ModelCIF file with pLDDT and N, C-alpha, C, O atoms, coordinates in Angstrom:
data_MODEL
#
_entry.id   MODEL 
#
_entity.id                         1 
_entity.type                       polymer 
_entity.pdbx_number_of_molecules   1 
#
_entity_poly.entity_id                      1 
_entity_poly.type                           'polypeptide(L)' 
_entity_poly.nstd_linkage                   no 
_entity_poly.nstd_monomer                   no 
_entity_poly.pdbx_seq_one_letter_code       
;(UNK)(UNK)(UNK)(UNK)(UNK)(UNK)(UNK)(UNK)(UNK)(UNK)(UNK)(UNK)(UNK)(UNK)(UNK)(UNK)
(UNK)(UNK)(UNK)(UNK)(UNK)(UNK)(UNK)(UNK)(UNK)(UNK)(UNK)(UNK)(UNK)(UNK)(UNK)(UNK)
(UNK)(UNK)(UNK)(UNK)
;
_entity_poly.pdbx_seq_one_letter_code_can   XXXXXXXXXXXXXXXXXXXXXXXXXXXXXXXXXXXX 
_entity_poly.pdbx_strand_id                 A 
#
loop_
_entity_poly_seq.entity_id 
_entity_poly_seq.num 
_entity_poly_seq.mon_id 
_entity_poly_seq.hetero 
1 1  UNK n 
1 2  UNK n 
1 3  UNK n 
1 4  UNK n 
1 5  UNK n 
1 6  UNK n 
1 7  UNK n 
1 8  UNK n 
1 9  UNK n 
1 10 UNK n 
1 11 UNK n 
1 12 UNK n 
1 13 UNK n 
1 14 UNK n 
1 15 UNK n 
1 16 UNK n 
1 17 UNK n 
1 18 UNK n 
1 19 UNK n 
1 20 UNK n 
1 21 UNK n 
1 22 UNK n 
1 23 UNK n 
1 24 UNK n 
1 25 UNK n 
1 26 UNK n 
1 27 UNK n 
1 28 UNK n 
1 29 UNK n 
1 30 UNK n 
1 31 UNK n 
1 32 UNK n 
1 33 UNK n 
1 34 UNK n 
1 35 UNK n 
1 36 UNK n 
#
_struct_asym.id          A 
_struct_asym.entity_id   1 
#
loop_
_ma_qa_metric.id 
_ma_qa_metric.mode 
_ma_qa_metric.name 
_ma_qa_metric.software_group_id 
_ma_qa_metric.type 
1 global pLDDT . pLDDT 
2 local  pLDDT . pLDDT 
#
_ma_qa_metric_global.metric_id      1 
_ma_qa_metric_global.metric_value   90.58 
_ma_qa_metric_global.model_id       1 
_ma_qa_metric_global.ordinal_id     1 
#
loop_
_ma_qa_metric_local.label_asym_id 
_ma_qa_metric_local.label_comp_id 
_ma_qa_metric_local.label_seq_id 
_ma_qa_metric_local.metric_id 
_ma_qa_metric_local.metric_value 
_ma_qa_metric_local.model_id 
_ma_qa_metric_local.ordinal_id 
A UNK 1  2 88.00 1 1  
A UNK 2  2 91.00 1 2  
A UNK 3  2 93.00 1 3  
A UNK 4  2 96.00 1 4  
A UNK 5  2 97.00 1 5  
A UNK 6  2 98.00 1 6  
A UNK 7  2 97.00 1 7  
A UNK 8  2 96.00 1 8  
A UNK 9  2 93.00 1 9  
A UNK 10 2 94.00 1 10 
A UNK 11 2 93.00 1 11 
A UNK 12 2 92.00 1 12 
A UNK 13 2 90.00 1 13 
A UNK 14 2 87.00 1 14 
A UNK 15 2 90.00 1 15 
A UNK 16 2 93.00 1 16 
A UNK 17 2 93.00 1 17 
A UNK 18 2 96.00 1 18 
A UNK 19 2 96.00 1 19 
A UNK 20 2 97.00 1 20 
A UNK 21 2 97.00 1 21 
A UNK 22 2 97.00 1 22 
A UNK 23 2 96.00 1 23 
A UNK 24 2 94.00 1 24 
A UNK 25 2 90.00 1 25 
A UNK 26 2 87.00 1 26 
A UNK 27 2 82.00 1 27 
A UNK 28 2 82.00 1 28 
A UNK 29 2 78.00 1 29 
A UNK 30 2 79.00 1 30 
A UNK 31 2 81.00 1 31 
A UNK 32 2 83.00 1 32 
A UNK 33 2 82.00 1 33 
A UNK 34 2 86.00 1 34 
A UNK 35 2 88.00 1 35 
A UNK 36 2 89.00 1 36 
#
loop_
_atom_site.group_PDB 
_atom_site.id 
_atom_site.type_symbol 
_atom_site.label_atom_id 
_atom_site.label_alt_id 
_atom_site.label_comp_id 
_atom_site.label_asym_id 
_atom_site.label_entity_id 
_atom_site.label_seq_id 
_atom_site.pdbx_PDB_ins_code 
_atom_site.Cartn_x 
_atom_site.Cartn_y 
_atom_site.Cartn_z 
_atom_site.occupancy 
_atom_site.B_iso_or_equiv 
_atom_site.pdbx_formal_charge 
_atom_site.auth_seq_id 
_atom_site.auth_comp_id 
_atom_site.auth_asym_id 
_atom_site.auth_atom_id 
_atom_site.pdbx_PDB_model_num 
ATOM 1   N N  . UNK A 1 1  ? 0.848   -1.182  0.000  1.00 88.00 ? 1  UNK A N  1 
ATOM 2   C CA . UNK A 1 1  ? 0.000   0.000   0.000  1.00 88.00 ? 1  UNK A CA 1 
ATOM 3   C C  . UNK A 1 1  ? 0.885   1.233   0.000  1.00 88.00 ? 1  UNK A C  1 
ATOM 4   O O  . UNK A 1 1  ? 2.042   1.185   0.419  1.00 88.00 ? 1  UNK A O  1 
ATOM 5   N N  . UNK A 1 2  ? 0.330   2.335   -0.473 1.00 91.00 ? 2  UNK A N  1 
ATOM 6   C CA . UNK A 1 2  ? 1.013   3.630   -0.416 1.00 91.00 ? 2  UNK A CA 1 
ATOM 7   C C  . UNK A 1 2  ? 0.103   4.601   0.333  1.00 91.00 ? 2  UNK A C  1 
ATOM 8   O O  . UNK A 1 2  ? -1.123  4.508   0.266  1.00 91.00 ? 2  UNK A O  1 
ATOM 9   N N  . UNK A 1 3  ? 0.727   5.524   1.039  1.00 93.00 ? 3  UNK A N  1 
ATOM 10  C CA . UNK A 1 3  ? -0.050  6.515   1.758  1.00 93.00 ? 3  UNK A CA 1 
ATOM 11  C C  . UNK A 1 3  ? 0.639   7.866   1.693  1.00 93.00 ? 3  UNK A C  1 
ATOM 12  O O  . UNK A 1 3  ? 1.857   7.961   1.542  1.00 93.00 ? 3  UNK A O  1 
ATOM 13  N N  . UNK A 1 4  ? -0.170  8.903   1.809  1.00 96.00 ? 4  UNK A N  1 
ATOM 14  C CA . UNK A 1 4  ? 0.339   10.272  1.821  1.00 96.00 ? 4  UNK A CA 1 
ATOM 15  C C  . UNK A 1 4  ? -0.595  11.122  2.663  1.00 96.00 ? 4  UNK A C  1 
ATOM 16  O O  . UNK A 1 4  ? -1.785  10.829  2.779  1.00 96.00 ? 4  UNK A O  1 
ATOM 17  N N  . UNK A 1 5  ? -0.052  12.164  3.243  1.00 97.00 ? 5  UNK A N  1 
ATOM 18  C CA . UNK A 1 5  ? -0.877  13.031  4.062  1.00 97.00 ? 5  UNK A CA 1 
ATOM 19  C C  . UNK A 1 5  ? -0.104  14.220  4.573  1.00 97.00 ? 5  UNK A C  1 
ATOM 20  O O  . UNK A 1 5  ? 0.955   14.571  4.053  1.00 97.00 ? 5  UNK A O  1 
ATOM 21  N N  . UNK A 1 6  ? -0.653  14.835  5.605  1.00 98.00 ? 6  UNK A N  1 
ATOM 22  C CA . UNK A 1 6  ? -0.045  16.018  6.202  1.00 98.00 ? 6  UNK A CA 1 
ATOM 23  C C  . UNK A 1 6  ? -0.297  15.995  7.701  1.00 98.00 ? 6  UNK A C  1 
ATOM 24  O O  . UNK A 1 6  ? -1.210  15.333  8.195  1.00 98.00 ? 6  UNK A O  1 
ATOM 25  N N  . UNK A 1 7  ? 0.530   16.726  8.393  1.00 97.00 ? 7  UNK A N  1 
ATOM 26  C CA . UNK A 1 7  ? 0.387   16.809  9.840  1.00 97.00 ? 7  UNK A CA 1 
ATOM 27  C C  . UNK A 1 7  ? 0.958   18.103  10.360 1.00 97.00 ? 7  UNK A C  1 
ATOM 28  O O  . UNK A 1 7  ? 1.487   18.924  9.610  1.00 97.00 ? 7  UNK A O  1 
ATOM 29  N N  . UNK A 1 8  ? 0.841   18.266  11.655 1.00 96.00 ? 8  UNK A N  1 
ATOM 30  C CA . UNK A 1 8  ? 1.371   19.464  12.289 1.00 96.00 ? 8  UNK A CA 1 
ATOM 31  C C  . UNK A 1 8  ? 1.855   19.095  13.694 1.00 96.00 ? 8  UNK A C  1 
ATOM 32  O O  . UNK A 1 8  ? 1.207   18.333  14.411 1.00 96.00 ? 8  UNK A O  1 
ATOM 33  N N  . UNK A 1 9  ? 3.007   19.652  14.066 1.00 93.00 ? 9  UNK A N  1 
ATOM 34  C CA . UNK A 1 9  ? 3.494   19.570  15.437 1.00 93.00 ? 9  UNK A CA 1 
ATOM 35  C C  . UNK A 1 9  ? 3.047   20.844  16.143 1.00 93.00 ? 9  UNK A C  1 
ATOM 36  O O  . UNK A 1 9  ? 3.292   21.947  15.655 1.00 93.00 ? 9  UNK A O  1 
ATOM 37  N N  . UNK A 1 10 ? 2.400   20.693  17.280 1.00 94.00 ? 10 UNK A N  1 
ATOM 38  C CA . UNK A 1 10 ? 2.039   21.827  18.132 1.00 94.00 ? 10 UNK A CA 1 
ATOM 39  C C  . UNK A 1 10 ? 3.056   21.847  19.263 1.00 94.00 ? 10 UNK A C  1 
ATOM 40  O O  . UNK A 1 10 ? 2.966   21.065  20.210 1.00 94.00 ? 10 UNK A O  1 
ATOM 41  N N  . UNK A 1 11 ? 4.019   22.745  19.157 1.00 93.00 ? 11 UNK A N  1 
ATOM 42  C CA . UNK A 1 11 ? 5.100   22.815  20.137 1.00 93.00 ? 11 UNK A CA 1 
ATOM 43  C C  . UNK A 1 11 ? 4.596   23.467  21.418 1.00 93.00 ? 11 UNK A C  1 
ATOM 44  O O  . UNK A 1 11 ? 4.174   24.623  21.415 1.00 93.00 ? 11 UNK A O  1 
ATOM 45  N N  . UNK A 1 12 ? 4.645   22.716  22.504 1.00 92.00 ? 12 UNK A N  1 
ATOM 46  C CA . UNK A 1 12 ? 4.235   23.214  23.809 1.00 92.00 ? 12 UNK A CA 1 
ATOM 47  C C  . UNK A 1 12 ? 5.413   23.840  24.549 1.00 92.00 ? 12 UNK A C  1 
ATOM 48  O O  . UNK A 1 12 ? 5.242   24.726  25.386 1.00 92.00 ? 12 UNK A O  1 
ATOM 49  N N  . UNK A 1 13 ? 6.605   23.363  24.225 1.00 90.00 ? 13 UNK A N  1 
ATOM 50  C CA . UNK A 1 13 ? 7.850   23.922  24.751 1.00 90.00 ? 13 UNK A CA 1 
ATOM 51  C C  . UNK A 1 13 ? 8.938   23.557  23.737 1.00 90.00 ? 13 UNK A C  1 
ATOM 52  O O  . UNK A 1 13 ? 8.646   22.842  22.779 1.00 90.00 ? 13 UNK A O  1 
ATOM 53  N N  . UNK A 1 14 ? 10.170  24.015  23.909 1.00 87.00 ? 14 UNK A N  1 
ATOM 54  C CA . UNK A 1 14 ? 11.218  23.626  22.956 1.00 87.00 ? 14 UNK A CA 1 
ATOM 55  C C  . UNK A 1 14 ? 11.476  22.117  22.925 1.00 87.00 ? 14 UNK A C  1 
ATOM 56  O O  . UNK A 1 14 ? 12.041  21.627  21.947 1.00 87.00 ? 14 UNK A O  1 
ATOM 57  N N  . UNK A 1 15 ? 11.086  21.365  23.951 1.00 90.00 ? 15 UNK A N  1 
ATOM 58  C CA . UNK A 1 15 ? 11.316  19.915  23.986 1.00 90.00 ? 15 UNK A CA 1 
ATOM 59  C C  . UNK A 1 15 ? 10.041  19.078  23.906 1.00 90.00 ? 15 UNK A C  1 
ATOM 60  O O  . UNK A 1 15 ? 10.138  17.879  23.644 1.00 90.00 ? 15 UNK A O  1 
ATOM 61  N N  . UNK A 1 16 ? 8.878   19.631  24.112 1.00 93.00 ? 16 UNK A N  1 
ATOM 62  C CA . UNK A 1 16 ? 7.624   18.882  24.179 1.00 93.00 ? 16 UNK A CA 1 
ATOM 63  C C  . UNK A 1 16 ? 6.665   19.356  23.096 1.00 93.00 ? 16 UNK A C  1 
ATOM 64  O O  . UNK A 1 16 ? 6.448   20.557  22.935 1.00 93.00 ? 16 UNK A O  1 
ATOM 65  N N  . UNK A 1 17 ? 6.089   18.411  22.352 1.00 93.00 ? 17 UNK A N  1 
ATOM 66  C CA . UNK A 1 17 ? 5.089   18.786  21.358 1.00 93.00 ? 17 UNK A CA 1 
ATOM 67  C C  . UNK A 1 17 ? 4.012   17.714  21.254 1.00 93.00 ? 17 UNK A C  1 
ATOM 68  O O  . UNK A 1 17 ? 4.187   16.576  21.692 1.00 93.00 ? 17 UNK A O  1 
ATOM 69  N N  . UNK A 1 18 ? 2.911   18.110  20.670 1.00 96.00 ? 18 UNK A N  1 
ATOM 70  C CA . UNK A 1 18 ? 1.846   17.183  20.296 1.00 96.00 ? 18 UNK A CA 1 
ATOM 71  C C  . UNK A 1 18 ? 1.805   17.149  18.775 1.00 96.00 ? 18 UNK A C  1 
ATOM 72  O O  . UNK A 1 18 ? 1.990   18.173  18.117 1.00 96.00 ? 18 UNK A O  1 
ATOM 73  N N  . UNK A 1 19 ? 1.564   15.975  18.228 1.00 96.00 ? 19 UNK A N  1 
ATOM 74  C CA . UNK A 1 19 ? 1.503   15.821  16.774 1.00 96.00 ? 19 UNK A CA 1 
ATOM 75  C C  . UNK A 1 19 ? 0.113   15.369  16.365 1.00 96.00 ? 19 UNK A C  1 
ATOM 76  O O  . UNK A 1 19 ? -0.502  14.530  17.024 1.00 96.00 ? 19 UNK A O  1 
ATOM 77  N N  . UNK A 1 20 ? -0.368  15.930  15.281 1.00 97.00 ? 20 UNK A N  1 
ATOM 78  C CA . UNK A 1 20 ? -1.644  15.554  14.684 1.00 97.00 ? 20 UNK A CA 1 
ATOM 79  C C  . UNK A 1 20 ? -1.380  15.313  13.204 1.00 97.00 ? 20 UNK A C  1 
ATOM 80  O O  . UNK A 1 20 ? -0.818  16.173  12.524 1.00 97.00 ? 20 UNK A O  1 
ATOM 81  N N  . UNK A 1 21 ? -1.780  14.151  12.702 1.00 97.00 ? 21 UNK A N  1 
ATOM 82  C CA . UNK A 1 21 ? -1.543  13.842  11.288 1.00 97.00 ? 21 UNK A CA 1 
ATOM 83  C C  . UNK A 1 21 ? -2.725  13.069  10.729 1.00 97.00 ? 21 UNK A C  1 
ATOM 84  O O  . UNK A 1 21 ? -3.399  12.320  11.437 1.00 97.00 ? 21 UNK A O  1 
ATOM 85  N N  . UNK A 1 22 ? -2.952  13.268  9.458  1.00 97.00 ? 22 UNK A N  1 
ATOM 86  C CA . UNK A 1 22 ? -3.959  12.508  8.723  1.00 97.00 ? 22 UNK A CA 1 
ATOM 87  C C  . UNK A 1 22 ? -3.366  12.091  7.394  1.00 97.00 ? 22 UNK A C  1 
ATOM 88  O O  . UNK A 1 22 ? -2.629  12.849  6.764  1.00 97.00 ? 22 UNK A O  1 
ATOM 89  N N  . UNK A 1 23 ? -3.691  10.883  6.974  1.00 96.00 ? 23 UNK A N  1 
ATOM 90  C CA . UNK A 1 23 ? -3.193  10.409  5.682  1.00 96.00 ? 23 UNK A CA 1 
ATOM 91  C C  . UNK A 1 23 ? -4.198  9.462   5.056  1.00 96.00 ? 23 UNK A C  1 
ATOM 92  O O  . UNK A 1 23 ? -5.040  8.882   5.743  1.00 96.00 ? 23 UNK A O  1 
ATOM 93  N N  . UNK A 1 24 ? -4.100  9.315   3.756  1.00 94.00 ? 24 UNK A N  1 
ATOM 94  C CA . UNK A 1 24 ? -4.967  8.409   3.017  1.00 94.00 ? 24 UNK A CA 1 
ATOM 95  C C  . UNK A 1 24 ? -4.111  7.270   2.488  1.00 94.00 ? 24 UNK A C  1 
ATOM 96  O O  . UNK A 1 24 ? -3.031  7.502   1.945  1.00 94.00 ? 24 UNK A O  1 
ATOM 97  N N  . UNK A 1 25 ? -4.592  6.033   2.646  1.00 90.00 ? 25 UNK A N  1 
ATOM 98  C CA . UNK A 1 25 ? -3.851  4.848   2.215  1.00 90.00 ? 25 UNK A CA 1 
ATOM 99  C C  . UNK A 1 25 ? -4.625  4.134   1.109  1.00 90.00 ? 25 UNK A C  1 
ATOM 100 O O  . UNK A 1 25 ? -5.825  3.887   1.233  1.00 90.00 ? 25 UNK A O  1 
ATOM 101 N N  . UNK A 1 26 ? -3.917  3.807   0.027  1.00 87.00 ? 26 UNK A N  1 
ATOM 102 C CA . UNK A 1 26 ? -4.487  3.038   -1.084 1.00 87.00 ? 26 UNK A CA 1 
ATOM 103 C C  . UNK A 1 26 ? -3.767  1.703   -1.145 1.00 87.00 ? 26 UNK A C  1 
ATOM 104 O O  . UNK A 1 26 ? -2.538  1.651   -1.197 1.00 87.00 ? 26 UNK A O  1 
ATOM 105 N N  . UNK A 1 27 ? -4.542  0.620   -1.139 1.00 82.00 ? 27 UNK A N  1 
ATOM 106 C CA . UNK A 1 27 ? -3.968  -0.725  -1.218 1.00 82.00 ? 27 UNK A CA 1 
ATOM 107 C C  . UNK A 1 27 ? -3.726  -1.119  -2.668 1.00 82.00 ? 27 UNK A C  1 
ATOM 108 O O  . UNK A 1 27 ? -4.555  -0.859  -3.540 1.00 82.00 ? 27 UNK A O  1 
ATOM 109 N N  . UNK A 1 28 ? -2.591  -1.746  -2.913 1.00 82.00 ? 28 UNK A N  1 
ATOM 110 C CA . UNK A 1 28 ? -2.224  -2.224  -4.241 1.00 82.00 ? 28 UNK A CA 1 
ATOM 111 C C  . UNK A 1 28 ? -2.167  -3.745  -4.189 1.00 82.00 ? 28 UNK A C  1 
ATOM 112 O O  . UNK A 1 28 ? -1.740  -4.315  -3.185 1.00 82.00 ? 28 UNK A O  1 
ATOM 113 N N  . UNK A 1 29 ? -2.582  -4.391  -5.234 1.00 78.00 ? 29 UNK A N  1 
ATOM 114 C CA . UNK A 1 29 ? -2.533  -5.853  -5.251 1.00 78.00 ? 29 UNK A CA 1 
ATOM 115 C C  . UNK A 1 29 ? -3.908  -6.474  -5.213 1.00 78.00 ? 29 UNK A C  1 
ATOM 116 O O  . UNK A 1 29 ? -4.922  -5.780  -5.282 1.00 78.00 ? 29 UNK A O  1 
ATOM 117 N N  . UNK A 1 30 ? -3.932  -7.772  -5.103 1.00 79.00 ? 30 UNK A N  1 
ATOM 118 C CA . UNK A 1 30 ? -5.180  -8.524  -5.165 1.00 79.00 ? 30 UNK A CA 1 
ATOM 119 C C  . UNK A 1 30 ? -5.934  -8.460  -3.843 1.00 79.00 ? 30 UNK A C  1 
ATOM 120 O O  . UNK A 1 30 ? -5.335  -8.411  -2.769 1.00 79.00 ? 30 UNK A O  1 
ATOM 121 N N  . UNK A 1 31 ? -7.248  -8.461  -3.942 1.00 81.00 ? 31 UNK A N  1 
ATOM 122 C CA . UNK A 1 31 ? -8.122  -8.544  -2.780 1.00 81.00 ? 31 UNK A CA 1 
ATOM 123 C C  . UNK A 1 31 ? -8.678  -9.960  -2.701 1.00 81.00 ? 31 UNK A C  1 
ATOM 124 O O  . UNK A 1 31 ? -8.912  -10.593 -3.731 1.00 81.00 ? 31 UNK A O  1 
ATOM 125 N N  . UNK A 1 32 ? -8.888  -10.451 -1.505 1.00 83.00 ? 32 UNK A N  1 
ATOM 126 C CA . UNK A 1 32 ? -9.457  -11.780 -1.302 1.00 83.00 ? 32 UNK A CA 1 
ATOM 127 C C  . UNK A 1 32 ? -10.914 -11.616 -0.894 1.00 83.00 ? 32 UNK A C  1 
ATOM 128 O O  . UNK A 1 32 ? -11.234 -10.855 0.019  1.00 83.00 ? 32 UNK A O  1 
ATOM 129 N N  . UNK A 1 33 ? -11.792 -12.339 -1.583 1.00 82.00 ? 33 UNK A N  1 
ATOM 130 C CA . UNK A 1 33 ? -13.211 -12.337 -1.255 1.00 82.00 ? 33 UNK A CA 1 
ATOM 131 C C  . UNK A 1 33 ? -13.677 -13.740 -0.925 1.00 82.00 ? 33 UNK A C  1 
ATOM 132 O O  . UNK A 1 33 ? -12.956 -14.710 -1.158 1.00 82.00 ? 33 UNK A O  1 
ATOM 133 N N  . UNK A 1 34 ? -14.877 -13.852 -0.386 1.00 86.00 ? 34 UNK A N  1 
ATOM 134 C CA . UNK A 1 34 ? -15.432 -15.159 -0.041 1.00 86.00 ? 34 UNK A CA 1 
ATOM 135 C C  . UNK A 1 34 ? -16.847 -15.295 -0.573 1.00 86.00 ? 34 UNK A C  1 
ATOM 136 O O  . UNK A 1 34 ? -17.566 -14.306 -0.719 1.00 86.00 ? 34 UNK A O  1 
ATOM 137 N N  . UNK A 1 35 ? -17.236 -16.519 -0.857 1.00 88.00 ? 35 UNK A N  1 
ATOM 138 C CA . UNK A 1 35 ? -18.603 -16.891 -1.223 1.00 88.00 ? 35 UNK A CA 1 
ATOM 139 C C  . UNK A 1 35 ? -18.936 -18.181 -0.502 1.00 88.00 ? 35 UNK A C  1 
ATOM 140 O O  . UNK A 1 35 ? -18.053 -18.997 -0.235 1.00 88.00 ? 35 UNK A O  1 
ATOM 141 N N  . UNK A 1 36 ? -20.204 -18.365 -0.187 1.00 89.00 ? 36 UNK A N  1 
ATOM 142 C CA . UNK A 1 36 ? -20.663 -19.620 0.395  1.00 89.00 ? 36 UNK A CA 1 
ATOM 143 C C  . UNK A 1 36 ? -21.632 -20.258 -0.598 1.00 89.00 ? 36 UNK A C  1 
ATOM 144 O O  . UNK A 1 36 ? -22.163 -21.338 -0.335 1.00 89.00 ? 36 UNK A O  1 
#
């Protein structure tokens, strides 16, 4: 699969931060299905 996205670090101090990120993933290759 490949994925891409963006995020942001919210720096609370010079050493501490919170990170928020979002990305979209696309699967490559065969999918497996089932039937009964």
